[in-house]
Every structure is written in C-alpha cells, then in structure tokens.
C-alpha cells in the first residue's frame, strides 16, 4: 500500500511540481492550498506525512498545527515544514507543535524534497509505525 502524503502549499506552481514528483515516486498524494483546506481534507484523507508550508493565506502552517493537534491526536503523522522564510520563532513553534523537520524551499531541489520525504517515511517504517 502506498504511503499517503498531504502537501499544504499555497503556491500553485510548487504544489503541482511536488504533487507530480511524489506521484511519480508512487505515493498517494493530495494537495491543500491553505491550512483550512488541509483540515477539511484530513476529514477523509489520513496521511503518513504532511509537507507543510508556514506562510499561507486563511490559516498558516503554525495555525494549522495548533488546530490539528498533532502531538496529542495524531502522533503517528510526520510533518515536514518547508518554507521560504527562515523565521526562527515560527520554526521553533512548529517543532513544539510536533513538526519533525524543517527545510528552506529556496535551497531545496525537487530531489532534495523527495529524499527528505523518503528519509522521513523510512524512519517511520523502521520504528514500526504505519
């Protein structure tokens, strides 16, 4: 069974590129364009990993993490924060709310993103979760 990934990214070009990349790698992928949209998708889609942008309209990444309650309700879901902003306060809060990794989008090639996803999900599989 394919691992499930939810991409939460408001930039359409990037979300389409990540979607295509991950689909070609045989992942089951869905896209949300803001935190509110992501919360709605999570009512019917249970991802193994969430790629989460921090800066989005309507509900940003940190707001999404606050509402999703990753630590208490969904500890098996891995969250990788990826953003073009290197705001240490937001990064720290994302980690406190359960994010596992952080990467600057501007410095990451599509291959870097794929490697990060594979590494994160590989660690999940090795630990006996999902």
C-alpha atoms as a PDB file:
ATOM      1  CA  UNK A   1       0.000   0.000   0.000  1.00  0.00           C
ATOM      2  CA  UNK A   2       1.349   3.404  -0.983  1.00  0.00           C
ATOM      3  CA  UNK A   3       2.275   5.872   1.726  1.00  0.00           C
ATOM      4  CA  UNK A   4      -0.021   8.902   1.822  1.00  0.00           C
ATOM      5  CA  UNK A   5       1.244  12.473   1.664  1.00  0.00           C
ATOM      6  CA  UNK A   6      -0.654  15.728   2.062  1.00  0.00           C
ATOM      7  CA  UNK A   7       1.045  18.760   0.518  1.00  0.00           C
ATOM      8  CA  UNK A   8      -0.096  22.028   2.114  1.00  0.00           C
ATOM      9  CA  UNK A   9       1.235  24.759  -0.162  1.00  0.00           C
ATOM     10  CA  UNK A  10      -0.430  27.929  -1.463  1.00  0.00           C
ATOM     11  CA  UNK A  11       1.888  28.459  -4.449  1.00  0.00           C
ATOM     12  CA  UNK A  12       0.167  26.507  -7.231  1.00  0.00           C
ATOM     13  CA  UNK A  13       3.311  26.018  -9.327  1.00  0.00           C
ATOM     14  CA  UNK A  14       5.170  24.493  -6.381  1.00  0.00           C
ATOM     15  CA  UNK A  15       2.284  22.342  -5.209  1.00  0.00           C
ATOM     16  CA  UNK A  16       1.850  20.959  -8.739  1.00  0.00           C
ATOM     17  CA  UNK A  17       5.576  20.242  -9.038  1.00  0.00           C
ATOM     18  CA  UNK A  18       5.696  18.445  -5.671  1.00  0.00           C
ATOM     19  CA  UNK A  19       2.488  16.576  -6.497  1.00  0.00           C
ATOM     20  CA  UNK A  20       3.917  15.320  -9.796  1.00  0.00           C
ATOM     21  CA  UNK A  21       7.262  14.405  -8.227  1.00  0.00           C
ATOM     22  CA  UNK A  22       5.662  12.410  -5.403  1.00  0.00           C
ATOM     23  CA  UNK A  23       3.071  10.722  -7.636  1.00  0.00           C
ATOM     24  CA  UNK A  24       5.870   9.562  -9.944  1.00  0.00           C
ATOM     25  CA  UNK A  25       7.571   8.112  -6.862  1.00  0.00           C
ATOM     26  CA  UNK A  26       4.360   6.087  -6.272  1.00  0.00           C
ATOM     27  CA  UNK A  27       2.992   7.980  -3.268  1.00  0.00           C
ATOM     28  CA  UNK A  28      -0.731   8.618  -2.748  1.00  0.00           C
ATOM     29  CA  UNK A  29      -0.789  12.426  -2.771  1.00  0.00           C
ATOM     30  CA  UNK A  30      -3.350  15.131  -2.115  1.00  0.00           C
ATOM     31  CA  UNK A  31      -2.880  18.909  -2.138  1.00  0.00           C
ATOM     32  CA  UNK A  32      -4.368  21.630   0.056  1.00  0.00           C
ATOM     33  CA  UNK A  33      -3.763  25.305  -0.672  1.00  0.00           C
ATOM     34  CA  UNK A  34      -4.027  26.625   2.893  1.00  0.00           C
ATOM     35  CA  UNK A  35      -4.360  25.337   6.428  1.00  0.00           C
ATOM     36  CA  UNK A  36      -8.165  25.455   6.436  1.00  0.00           C
ATOM     37  CA  UNK A  37      -8.311  23.425   3.205  1.00  0.00           C
ATOM     38  CA  UNK A  38      -5.851  20.943   4.759  1.00  0.00           C
ATOM     39  CA  UNK A  39      -8.036  20.485   7.851  1.00  0.00           C
ATOM     40  CA  UNK A  40     -11.012  19.738   5.574  1.00  0.00           C
ATOM     41  CA  UNK A  41      -9.030  17.195   3.536  1.00  0.00           C
ATOM     42  CA  UNK A  42      -7.933  15.454   6.732  1.00  0.00           C
ATOM     43  CA  UNK A  43     -11.527  14.503   7.458  1.00  0.00           C
ATOM     44  CA  UNK A  44     -11.327  11.936   4.633  1.00  0.00           C
ATOM     45  CA  UNK A  45      -7.591  11.526   3.960  1.00  0.00           C
ATOM     46  CA  UNK A  46      -5.226  10.098   6.593  1.00  0.00           C
ATOM     47  CA  UNK A  47      -1.655  10.910   5.546  1.00  0.00           C
ATOM     48  CA  UNK A  48       1.547   9.321   6.764  1.00  0.00           C
ATOM     49  CA  UNK A  49       3.347  12.606   6.110  1.00  0.00           C
ATOM     50  CA  UNK A  50       2.368  16.253   5.725  1.00  0.00           C
ATOM     51  CA  UNK A  51       4.570  18.683   3.778  1.00  0.00           C
ATOM     52  CA  UNK A  52       3.571  21.973   5.350  1.00  0.00           C
ATOM     53  CA  UNK A  53       4.299  25.495   4.194  1.00  0.00           C
ATOM     54  CA  UNK A  54       4.365  28.060   7.009  1.00  0.00           C
ATOM     55  CA  UNK A  55       3.208  31.202   5.197  1.00  0.00           C
ATOM     56  CA  UNK A  56      -0.240  30.776   3.654  1.00  0.00           C
ATOM     57  CA  UNK A  57      -3.467  32.757   3.463  1.00  0.00           C
ATOM     58  CA  UNK A  58      -6.554  31.936   5.560  1.00  0.00           C
ATOM     59  CA  UNK A  59      -4.738  29.637   8.044  1.00  0.00           C
ATOM     60  CA  UNK A  60      -0.935  29.493   8.131  1.00  0.00           C
ATOM     61  CA  UNK A  61       1.198  26.458   8.952  1.00  0.00           C
ATOM     62  CA  UNK A  62       1.579  27.181  12.662  1.00  0.00           C
ATOM     63  CA  UNK A  63      -2.174  27.829  12.958  1.00  0.00           C
ATOM     64  CA  UNK A  64      -2.809  24.551  11.159  1.00  0.00           C
ATOM     65  CA  UNK A  65      -0.563  22.691  13.611  1.00  0.00           C
ATOM     66  CA  UNK A  66      -2.365  24.281  16.552  1.00  0.00           C
ATOM     67  CA  UNK A  67      -5.747  23.136  15.243  1.00  0.00           C
ATOM     68  CA  UNK A  68      -4.629  19.712  14.012  1.00  0.00           C
ATOM     69  CA  UNK A  69      -3.210  18.799  17.458  1.00  0.00           C
ATOM     70  CA  UNK A  70      -0.547  16.567  16.015  1.00  0.00           C
ATOM     71  CA  UNK A  71       1.135  15.723  19.303  1.00  0.00           C
ATOM     72  CA  UNK A  72      -1.968  14.503  21.132  1.00  0.00           C
ATOM     73  CA  UNK A  73      -4.349  13.297  18.437  1.00  0.00           C
ATOM     74  CA  UNK A  74      -2.095  12.240  15.540  1.00  0.00           C
ATOM     75  CA  UNK A  75       1.382  11.371  16.859  1.00  0.00           C
ATOM     76  CA  UNK A  76       1.958   8.840  14.067  1.00  0.00           C
ATOM     77  CA  UNK A  77       1.757  11.510  11.341  1.00  0.00           C
ATOM     78  CA  UNK A  78       5.093  13.025  10.357  1.00  0.00           C
ATOM     79  CA  UNK A  79       5.224  16.731   9.491  1.00  0.00           C
ATOM     80  CA  UNK A  80       7.963  18.309   7.414  1.00  0.00           C
ATOM     81  CA  UNK A  81       7.791  22.088   7.402  1.00  0.00           C
ATOM     82  CA  UNK A  82       9.078  23.691   4.248  1.00  0.00           C
ATOM     83  CA  UNK A  83       9.101  27.417   3.772  1.00  0.00           C
ATOM     84  CA  UNK A  84      10.866  30.277   2.052  1.00  0.00           C
ATOM     85  CA  UNK A  85      11.012  32.103   5.381  1.00  0.00           C
ATOM     86  CA  UNK A  86      13.669  31.470   7.975  1.00  0.00           C
ATOM     87  CA  UNK A  87      11.756  32.906  10.938  1.00  0.00           C
ATOM     88  CA  UNK A  88      13.238  31.188  13.987  1.00  0.00           C
ATOM     89  CA  UNK A  89      10.231  31.881  16.242  1.00  0.00           C
ATOM     90  CA  UNK A  90       7.854  30.203  13.773  1.00  0.00           C
ATOM     91  CA  UNK A  91      10.227  27.295  13.231  1.00  0.00           C
ATOM     92  CA  UNK A  92      10.589  26.782  16.991  1.00  0.00           C
ATOM     93  CA  UNK A  93       6.825  26.851  17.459  1.00  0.00           C
ATOM     94  CA  UNK A  94       6.322  24.374  14.601  1.00  0.00           C
ATOM     95  CA  UNK A  95       8.753  21.987  16.317  1.00  0.00           C
ATOM     96  CA  UNK A  96       6.978  22.475  19.651  1.00  0.00           C
ATOM     97  CA  UNK A  97       3.689  21.592  17.938  1.00  0.00           C
ATOM     98  CA  UNK A  98       5.103  18.326  16.569  1.00  0.00           C
ATOM     99  CA  UNK A  99       6.889  19.095  13.310  1.00  0.00           C
ATOM    100  CA  UNK A 100       9.751  16.710  12.756  1.00  0.00           C
ATOM    101  CA  UNK A 101      11.861  18.557  10.201  1.00  0.00           C
ATOM    102  CA  UNK A 102      12.282  21.948   8.573  1.00  0.00           C
ATOM    103  CA  UNK A 103      13.728  22.819   5.181  1.00  0.00           C
ATOM    104  CA  UNK A 104      14.083  26.083   3.267  1.00  0.00           C
ATOM    105  CA  UNK A 105      12.293  25.652  -0.073  1.00  0.00           C
ATOM    106  CA  UNK A 106      14.595  28.097  -1.838  1.00  0.00           C
ATOM    107  CA  UNK A 107      17.594  25.872  -1.124  1.00  0.00           C
ATOM    108  CA  UNK A 108      15.917  22.553  -1.836  1.00  0.00           C
ATOM    109  CA  UNK A 109      15.792  20.925  -5.236  1.00  0.00           C
ATOM    110  CA  UNK A 110      12.909  18.600  -6.084  1.00  0.00           C
ATOM    111  CA  UNK A 111      15.331  15.720  -5.482  1.00  0.00           C
ATOM    112  CA  UNK A 112      16.112  17.107  -2.016  1.00  0.00           C
ATOM    113  CA  UNK A 113      12.391  17.151  -1.206  1.00  0.00           C
ATOM    114  CA  UNK A 114      11.967  13.579  -2.437  1.00  0.00           C
ATOM    115  CA  UNK A 115      14.985  12.421  -0.416  1.00  0.00           C
ATOM    116  CA  UNK A 116      13.632  14.173   2.671  1.00  0.00           C
ATOM    117  CA  UNK A 117      10.229  12.510   2.242  1.00  0.00           C
ATOM    118  CA  UNK A 118      11.789   9.090   1.693  1.00  0.00           C
ATOM    119  CA  UNK A 119      14.112   9.514   4.668  1.00  0.00           C
ATOM    120  CA  UNK A 120      11.280  10.665   6.947  1.00  0.00           C
ATOM    121  CA  UNK A 121       8.932   7.868   5.903  1.00  0.00           C
ATOM    122  CA  UNK A 122      11.758   5.337   6.038  1.00  0.00           C
ATOM    123  CA  UNK A 123      12.388   6.270   9.643  1.00  0.00           C
ATOM    124  CA  UNK A 124       8.653   5.839  10.260  1.00  0.00           C
ATOM    125  CA  UNK A 125       8.622   2.358   8.747  1.00  0.00           C
ATOM    126  CA  UNK A 126      11.686   1.297  10.715  1.00  0.00           C
ATOM    127  CA  UNK A 127      10.178   2.412  14.005  1.00  0.00           C
ATOM    128  CA  UNK A 128       7.200   0.122  13.486  1.00  0.00           C
ATOM    129  CA  UNK A 129       4.661   2.894  12.974  1.00  0.00           C
ATOM    130  CA  UNK A 130       2.399   2.835   9.948  1.00  0.00           C
END
